[in-house]
Amino acid sequence: MYEVNERTTMLLRVAFFDEDDVAVVPNSSIYRIDDIGTSTVIRASTAMAPLAVTYDITITEEENYIIAERHTYETRRVTVDFRYGAGSVKRGTNEYIYKVKNMYGIETSESASASSSASAS
């Protein structure tokens, strides 16, 4: 299982295959991202474009956040649903699972840049 640090941008390459395990260019495709443990929708269903035999999904730093700070890691599921073939009559699905590692002490970009001077009090 792939692992990414909290608040890190991640690139996920998905590939499309038919029932004979031959690469195909789908006619349409959508994906969504969910946190498995909390059933939180991280990204709602999103269309992929342009379509090719592979597609790179950029999962942003804002999407790779820890929901429950006590967790050492959280598990995410990227679900892919696509149609292919003449008239889009065939359907394929796949899922990709990865972990987001809690980087205790990591702040959001906004809060990290809020203070312009450092002080040791």
Foldseek 3Di string as FASTA:
>chain_A
DAEDEQLDKDKDKDFDADPVRHQDFFPWKWKFKAFVPVRHTLGPIDTDPDTDRMGIDIQGNSSRHDPDLVDQKTKMKMKMKTFHDVVSPDIDIDIDMYIHGYPPPDDDPCVVVPDPDDDDD
